[in-house]
């Protein structure tokens, strides 16, 4: 792979197990938390022994930014992930899983400590899976941070001081910046840094819920008001995409204001659908396909990819190729947003 990749991202990278349930989500969450509190590994057998019906399970790497890098690679971009894992079995598994999706891991550093561990609990067709972080990553004392990536698009999901410095450096060298606004960006203590990070962005992807948090309104806003509030934090030339789950997305930039309605899919697990959409969008951004009228082809393709991704268990259970997404993009309806 070239020393300059299309897209590079950095963020939280746990080893993750997804459980498809045939029982109450609330009961399963209680049981999983109880097992973790007792120091027990959360496994399918352990859940079943406690009365939870487990239909399927899948283990793999997790985290929104690593997921997006895997999706970008599936979309045809050269992708790299920069971060750290522990010097343990899970750290080796995280690296191996990323590499199996053709993600460059030369910037993934193994440090003394433990790799983060999380689980996903979902029911077939559920719209709100539950993620439980069982163990945060623990870095050994004195370990160094991984180096800043050299890439056409830098994809970030947390407004830390290091990430902000990377974004500013990326802009100075003429590169592009995309931001996936996750829950960590919308906490009150993080909002000042998030505002600075968004000011550097060429592409911003945010869920409807997190857009409301950015706007300081947890109550229900009209979609157009919510989009306008989020839009006010960005540069005029930046592309804003507000994801709406199974309903698709809204995209705005300058005079472009469109609603994209996702095609119906046989949903198994919606975990990571937004990450899949982000991966296809950053791949398009790196290839210059979000410029001008090109966005009208790239945006439906990304929405179609996200719709396809929910048909398998876990965030990386199905990562559509660009060709698959293009074939489904004709099913995405596109309308101008008014009002």
Protein backbone atom coordinates (compact mmCIF):
# COMPACT_ATOMS: atom_id res chain seq x y z
CA UNK A 1 0.00 0.00 0.00
CA UNK A 2 1.19 3.54 -0.74
CA UNK A 3 2.52 5.66 2.13
CA UNK A 4 -0.31 8.09 1.30
CA UNK A 5 -3.67 6.34 1.66
CA UNK A 6 -7.10 7.53 0.59
CA UNK A 7 -8.59 7.57 4.09
CA UNK A 8 -7.16 7.23 7.57
CA UNK A 9 -9.01 7.16 10.85
CA UNK A 10 -8.34 6.92 14.54
CA UNK A 11 -10.63 6.03 17.42
CA UNK A 12 -11.87 3.46 19.93
CA UNK A 13 -11.14 -0.11 18.77
CA UNK A 14 -12.54 -2.84 21.05
CA UNK A 15 -12.85 -6.56 20.48
CA UNK A 16 -16.61 -7.03 20.26
CA UNK A 17 -19.12 -9.86 20.39
CA UNK A 18 -22.63 -9.42 19.00
CA UNK A 19 -25.47 -11.59 20.34
CA UNK A 20 -28.73 -11.99 18.43
CA UNK A 21 -31.44 -12.55 21.02
CA UNK A 22 -34.79 -14.30 21.01
CA UNK A 23 -35.74 -12.94 24.40
CA UNK A 24 -36.29 -9.68 26.23
CA UNK A 25 -33.53 -7.16 25.62
CA UNK A 26 -33.89 -5.72 29.12
CA UNK A 27 -33.45 -9.15 30.73
CA UNK A 28 -30.39 -9.88 28.62
CA UNK A 29 -28.82 -6.54 29.55
CA UNK A 30 -29.36 -7.27 33.25
CA UNK A 31 -27.82 -10.72 32.94
CA UNK A 32 -24.82 -9.49 30.95
CA UNK A 33 -24.13 -6.71 33.42
CA UNK A 34 -24.41 -9.14 36.31
CA UNK A 35 -21.94 -11.53 34.69
CA UNK A 36 -19.48 -8.71 34.05
CA UNK A 37 -19.84 -7.41 37.62
CA UNK A 38 -19.02 -10.91 38.90
CA UNK A 39 -15.87 -10.97 36.77
CA UNK A 40 -17.25 -13.63 34.42
CA UNK A 41 -16.76 -13.59 30.65
CA UNK A 42 -20.04 -12.77 28.86
CA UNK A 43 -20.58 -15.74 26.54
CA UNK A 44 -23.54 -17.27 24.74
CA UNK A 45 -23.40 -20.33 27.00
CA UNK A 46 -23.33 -18.13 30.08
CA UNK A 47 -26.33 -16.11 28.90
CA UNK A 48 -28.26 -19.26 27.98
CA UNK A 49 -27.55 -20.73 31.43
CA UNK A 50 -29.21 -17.63 32.89
CA UNK A 51 -32.36 -18.03 30.82
CA UNK A 52 -31.46 -15.77 27.87
CA UNK A 53 -32.29 -17.19 24.45
CA UNK A 54 -29.35 -16.59 22.10
CA UNK A 55 -30.09 -17.24 18.41
CA UNK A 56 -26.66 -16.37 17.01
CA UNK A 57 -23.38 -14.70 17.92
CA UNK A 58 -20.43 -13.20 16.07
CA UNK A 59 -17.15 -11.82 17.35
CA UNK A 60 -14.96 -9.30 15.57
CA UNK A 61 -13.41 -5.90 15.80
CA UNK A 62 -15.65 -2.98 16.74
CA UNK A 63 -15.66 0.79 17.10
CA UNK A 64 -17.25 3.35 14.79
CA UNK A 65 -14.03 4.61 13.16
CA UNK A 66 -12.50 1.13 12.57
CA UNK A 67 -15.86 0.00 11.18
CA UNK A 68 -15.90 2.98 8.81
CA UNK A 69 -12.36 2.16 7.62
CA UNK A 70 -13.46 -1.40 6.83
CA UNK A 71 -16.47 -0.05 4.92
CA UNK A 72 -14.27 2.42 3.04
CA UNK A 73 -12.00 -0.43 1.97
CA UNK A 74 -15.05 -2.39 0.79
CA UNK A 75 -16.04 0.70 -1.21
CA UNK A 76 -12.70 0.62 -3.04
CA UNK A 77 -10.60 3.10 -1.06
CA UNK A 78 -7.19 2.43 0.43
CA UNK A 79 -7.83 2.73 4.17
CA UNK A 80 -5.66 2.82 7.27
CA UNK A 81 -6.47 2.71 10.96
CA UNK A 82 -4.31 4.44 13.55
CA UNK A 83 -4.70 3.59 17.21
CA UNK A 84 -3.57 1.33 20.01
CA UNK A 85 -4.51 -2.06 21.40
CA UNK A 86 -3.16 -4.05 24.30
CA UNK A 87 -0.45 -6.66 24.09
CA UNK A 88 -3.01 -9.43 24.58
CA UNK A 89 -5.00 -11.95 22.58
CA UNK A 90 -7.82 -9.50 21.86
CA UNK A 91 -5.31 -6.96 20.50
CA UNK A 92 -4.00 -9.56 18.04
CA UNK A 93 -7.59 -10.40 17.04
CA UNK A 94 -8.44 -6.72 16.45
CA UNK A 95 -5.43 -6.35 14.13
CA UNK A 96 -6.17 -9.58 12.28
CA UNK A 97 -9.81 -8.61 11.75
CA UNK A 98 -8.91 -5.17 10.34
CA UNK A 99 -6.33 -6.70 8.02
CA UNK A 100 -8.89 -9.26 6.81
CA UNK A 101 -10.92 -6.27 5.58
CA UNK A 102 -7.86 -4.86 3.76
CA UNK A 103 -7.25 -2.04 6.25
CA UNK A 104 -3.61 -0.97 6.66
CA UNK A 105 -2.65 -1.47 10.32
CA UNK A 106 0.91 -0.15 10.28
CA UNK A 107 -0.31 2.64 12.56
CA UNK A 108 -1.98 0.28 15.04
CA UNK A 109 0.36 0.12 18.02
CA UNK A 110 0.40 -2.70 20.58
CA UNK A 111 1.15 -1.33 24.03
CA UNK A 112 1.45 -2.87 27.49
CA UNK A 113 -2.08 -3.14 28.88
CA UNK A 114 -5.44 -4.57 27.92
CA UNK A 115 -7.54 -4.19 24.80
CA UNK A 116 -11.05 -2.78 25.23
CA UNK A 117 -13.85 -5.37 25.27
CA UNK A 118 -17.51 -4.79 24.45
CA UNK A 119 -20.68 -6.67 23.54
CA UNK A 120 -23.70 -5.85 21.39
CA UNK A 121 -27.14 -7.16 22.33
CA UNK A 122 -29.78 -7.03 19.60
CA UNK A 123 -33.05 -8.63 18.58
CA UNK A 124 -33.90 -9.44 14.98
CA UNK A 125 -35.26 -6.27 13.38
CA UNK A 126 -34.58 -4.15 16.47
CA UNK A 127 -33.92 -0.47 15.84
CA UNK A 128 -31.91 0.16 19.00
CA UNK A 129 -29.26 -2.46 19.86
CA UNK A 130 -27.51 -2.10 23.21
CA UNK A 131 -23.74 -1.79 23.41
CA UNK A 132 -22.07 -2.59 26.74
CA UNK A 133 -18.42 -1.74 27.24
CA UNK A 134 -17.13 -4.43 29.55
CA UNK A 135 -13.56 -3.19 29.72
CA UNK A 136 -11.91 0.05 28.69
CA UNK A 137 -8.46 -0.11 27.12
CA UNK A 138 -5.67 0.29 29.64
CA UNK A 139 -2.42 1.74 28.33
CA UNK A 140 0.83 1.02 30.06
CA UNK A 141 2.67 3.94 31.66
CA UNK A 142 4.94 5.89 29.35
CA UNK A 143 3.59 4.41 26.09
CA UNK A 144 3.67 6.65 23.03
CA UNK A 145 0.71 7.70 20.93
CA UNK A 146 0.63 6.37 17.36
CA UNK A 147 1.78 8.77 14.62
CA UNK A 148 -0.57 11.01 12.63
CA UNK A 149 -1.61 9.32 9.36
CA UNK A 150 -0.72 10.66 5.93
CA UNK A 151 -3.95 10.44 3.98
CA UNK A 152 -6.22 12.35 1.62
CA UNK A 153 -9.09 12.22 4.13
CA UNK A 154 -8.62 12.14 7.90
CA UNK A 155 -11.69 10.61 9.58
CA UNK A 156 -12.23 11.43 13.26
CA UNK A 157 -14.87 10.65 15.86
CA UNK A 158 -13.69 12.29 19.07
CA UNK A 159 -12.75 15.94 19.80
CA UNK A 160 -9.59 15.33 21.84
CA UNK A 161 -6.67 17.75 21.79
CA UNK A 162 -4.59 15.36 19.70
CA UNK A 163 -7.40 14.81 17.19
CA UNK A 164 -7.95 18.57 16.87
CA UNK A 165 -4.24 19.13 16.27
CA UNK A 166 -4.27 16.41 13.61
CA UNK A 167 -7.28 18.00 11.90
CA UNK A 168 -5.62 21.43 11.85
CA UNK A 169 -2.42 19.93 10.44
CA UNK A 170 -4.43 18.03 7.83
CA UNK A 171 -6.07 21.26 6.66
CA UNK A 172 -2.72 23.08 6.52
CA UNK A 173 -1.26 20.44 4.22
CA UNK A 174 -4.28 20.68 1.91
CA UNK A 175 -5.94 17.44 3.03
CA UNK A 176 -9.58 16.82 3.83
CA UNK A 177 -11.23 16.17 7.21
CA UNK A 178 -14.39 14.21 7.98
CA UNK A 179 -16.01 13.97 11.40
CA UNK A 180 -18.42 11.31 12.66
CA UNK A 181 -20.19 13.03 15.56
CA UNK A 182 -20.65 10.31 18.17
CA UNK A 183 -21.89 10.52 21.77
CA UNK A 184 -18.42 11.52 23.00
CA UNK A 185 -18.62 14.68 20.91
CA UNK A 186 -21.92 15.82 22.41
CA UNK A 187 -21.15 15.70 26.14
CA UNK A 188 -21.24 19.17 27.66
CA UNK A 189 -17.57 19.06 28.62
CA UNK A 190 -16.59 18.16 25.03
CA UNK A 191 -18.77 20.67 23.15
CA UNK A 192 -16.18 23.50 22.97
CA UNK A 193 -13.62 21.13 21.41
CA UNK A 194 -16.29 19.62 19.16
CA UNK A 195 -17.16 23.08 17.82
CA UNK A 196 -13.49 23.65 16.95
CA UNK A 197 -13.23 20.27 15.27
CA UNK A 198 -16.38 20.81 13.20
CA UNK A 199 -14.93 24.10 11.95
CA UNK A 200 -12.14 22.07 10.29
CA UNK A 201 -14.45 19.53 8.64
CA UNK A 202 -15.25 19.06 4.96
CA UNK A 203 -17.75 16.29 5.76
CA UNK A 204 -19.79 15.83 8.95
CA UNK A 205 -21.91 12.76 9.65
CA UNK A 206 -24.23 12.84 12.66
CA UNK A 207 -27.27 10.87 13.77
CA UNK A 208 -30.55 12.67 14.39
CA UNK A 209 -30.18 12.08 18.15
CA UNK A 210 -26.66 13.48 18.31
CA UNK A 211 -27.61 16.42 16.10
CA UNK A 212 -30.23 17.29 18.71
CA UNK A 213 -27.61 17.10 21.44
CA UNK A 214 -25.31 19.37 19.45
CA UNK A 215 -28.14 21.85 19.17
CA UNK A 216 -28.67 21.65 22.95
CA UNK A 217 -32.18 20.29 22.51
CA UNK A 218 -32.92 16.81 23.81
CA UNK A 219 -36.61 17.22 23.04
CA UNK A 220 -38.10 16.51 19.63
CA UNK A 221 -37.37 19.15 16.99
CA UNK A 222 -38.73 19.39 13.49
CA UNK A 223 -36.18 17.77 11.21
CA UNK A 224 -35.60 20.97 9.25
CA UNK A 225 -34.95 22.92 12.47
CA UNK A 226 -32.57 20.27 13.75
CA UNK A 227 -30.61 20.22 10.49
CA UNK A 228 -30.42 24.01 10.46
CA UNK A 229 -29.07 24.06 14.03
CA UNK A 230 -26.34 21.53 13.20
CA UNK A 231 -25.63 23.30 9.91
CA UNK A 232 -24.91 26.56 11.76
CA UNK A 233 -21.80 24.97 13.35
CA UNK A 234 -20.15 24.19 10.00
CA UNK A 235 -18.42 26.02 7.21
CA UNK A 236 -20.75 26.76 4.28
CA UNK A 237 -18.78 24.51 1.93
CA UNK A 238 -18.87 21.52 4.29
CA UNK A 239 -21.27 18.67 3.55
CA UNK A 240 -23.56 17.75 6.46
CA UNK A 241 -25.26 14.34 6.50
CA UNK A 242 -27.83 13.67 9.24
CA UNK A 243 -28.63 9.97 9.46
CA UNK A 244 -32.18 8.88 10.22
CA UNK A 245 -31.80 5.14 10.80
CA UNK A 246 -34.07 3.03 8.61
CA UNK A 247 -35.56 6.24 7.16
CA UNK A 248 -32.31 7.18 5.38
CA UNK A 249 -30.61 10.56 5.69
CA UNK A 250 -30.72 14.28 5.00
CA UNK A 251 -27.79 16.00 3.30
CA UNK A 252 -27.08 19.73 3.01
CA UNK A 253 -24.32 21.91 1.60
CA UNK A 254 -24.77 25.42 0.26
CA UNK A 255 -27.95 25.29 -1.83
CA UNK A 256 -28.05 21.47 -1.75
CA UNK A 257 -30.75 20.20 0.62
CA UNK A 258 -31.97 16.67 -0.08
CA UNK A 259 -33.77 13.87 1.75
CA UNK A 260 -32.67 10.33 0.91
CA UNK A 261 -35.11 7.57 1.79
CA UNK A 262 -33.52 4.16 2.30
CA UNK A 263 -34.87 1.08 0.51
CA UNK A 264 -36.52 -1.58 2.65
CA UNK A 265 -34.21 -4.39 3.74
CA UNK A 266 -34.72 -7.52 5.81
CA UNK A 267 -33.12 -6.17 8.98
CA UNK A 268 -31.20 -8.49 11.28
CA UNK A 269 -28.96 -6.05 13.15
CA UNK A 270 -28.66 -2.28 12.55
CA UNK A 271 -25.37 -2.05 14.49
CA UNK A 272 -22.82 -0.12 12.46
CA UNK A 273 -25.14 0.94 9.63
CA UNK A 274 -24.13 4.57 10.16
CA UNK A 275 -20.47 3.52 10.17
CA UNK A 276 -20.98 1.76 6.83
CA UNK A 277 -22.57 4.90 5.40
CA UNK A 278 -19.66 6.97 6.73
CA UNK A 279 -17.12 4.61 5.17
CA UNK A 280 -18.68 4.86 1.73
CA UNK A 281 -18.91 8.64 2.04
CA UNK A 282 -15.27 9.14 3.07
CA UNK A 283 -14.22 6.88 0.18
CA UNK A 284 -16.22 9.12 -2.17
CA UNK A 285 -14.72 12.23 -0.57
CA UNK A 286 -11.19 10.90 -1.11
CA UNK A 287 -11.97 10.22 -4.77
CA UNK A 288 -13.47 13.68 -5.38
CA UNK A 289 -16.95 12.25 -5.87
CA UNK A 290 -18.71 14.53 -3.37
CA UNK A 291 -17.85 17.66 -5.36
CA UNK A 292 -20.72 19.46 -7.06
CA UNK A 293 -23.26 17.22 -8.76
CA UNK A 294 -21.18 14.14 -7.94
CA UNK A 295 -22.76 14.12 -4.49
CA UNK A 296 -26.12 13.26 -6.06
CA UNK A 297 -24.69 9.86 -7.05
CA UNK A 298 -22.42 9.26 -4.05
CA UNK A 299 -25.03 9.99 -1.36
CA UNK A 300 -27.65 7.44 -2.56
CA UNK A 301 -24.87 4.88 -2.91
CA UNK A 302 -23.85 5.38 0.72
CA UNK A 303 -27.45 5.16 1.95
CA UNK A 304 -27.91 1.95 -0.06
CA UNK A 305 -24.74 0.47 1.45
CA UNK A 306 -26.03 1.21 4.95
CA UNK A 307 -29.38 -0.42 4.14
CA UNK A 308 -27.63 -3.58 2.94
CA UNK A 309 -25.37 -3.72 5.99
CA UNK A 310 -28.27 -4.38 8.39
CA UNK A 311 -29.04 -7.75 6.80
CA UNK A 312 -26.31 -9.54 8.80
CA UNK A 313 -25.30 -9.75 12.45
CA UNK A 314 -22.67 -7.27 13.75
CA UNK A 315 -21.24 -4.09 12.30
CA UNK A 316 -18.92 -5.96 9.92
CA UNK A 317 -21.16 -8.92 9.19
CA UNK A 318 -21.93 -7.47 5.76
CA UNK A 319 -19.94 -4.62 4.25
CA UNK A 320 -21.24 -4.03 0.71
CA UNK A 321 -18.84 -3.38 -2.14
CA UNK A 322 -19.20 -0.27 -4.26
CA UNK A 323 -20.83 -2.34 -7.02
CA UNK A 324 -23.41 -3.81 -4.63
CA UNK A 325 -24.19 -0.34 -3.28
CA UNK A 326 -24.55 1.08 -6.81
CA UNK A 327 -27.02 -1.66 -7.73
CA UNK A 328 -29.14 -0.82 -4.68
CA UNK A 329 -28.77 2.95 -5.03
CA UNK A 330 -31.48 3.00 -7.71
CA UNK A 331 -33.93 2.05 -4.92
CA UNK A 332 -33.07 5.14 -2.86
CA UNK A 333 -35.57 7.95 -3.37
CA UNK A 334 -34.15 11.48 -3.40
CA UNK A 335 -36.28 14.55 -2.72
CA UNK A 336 -35.52 18.20 -2.17
CA UNK A 337 -35.99 19.37 1.43
CA UNK A 338 -38.33 22.33 1.78
CA UNK A 339 -39.62 24.34 4.69
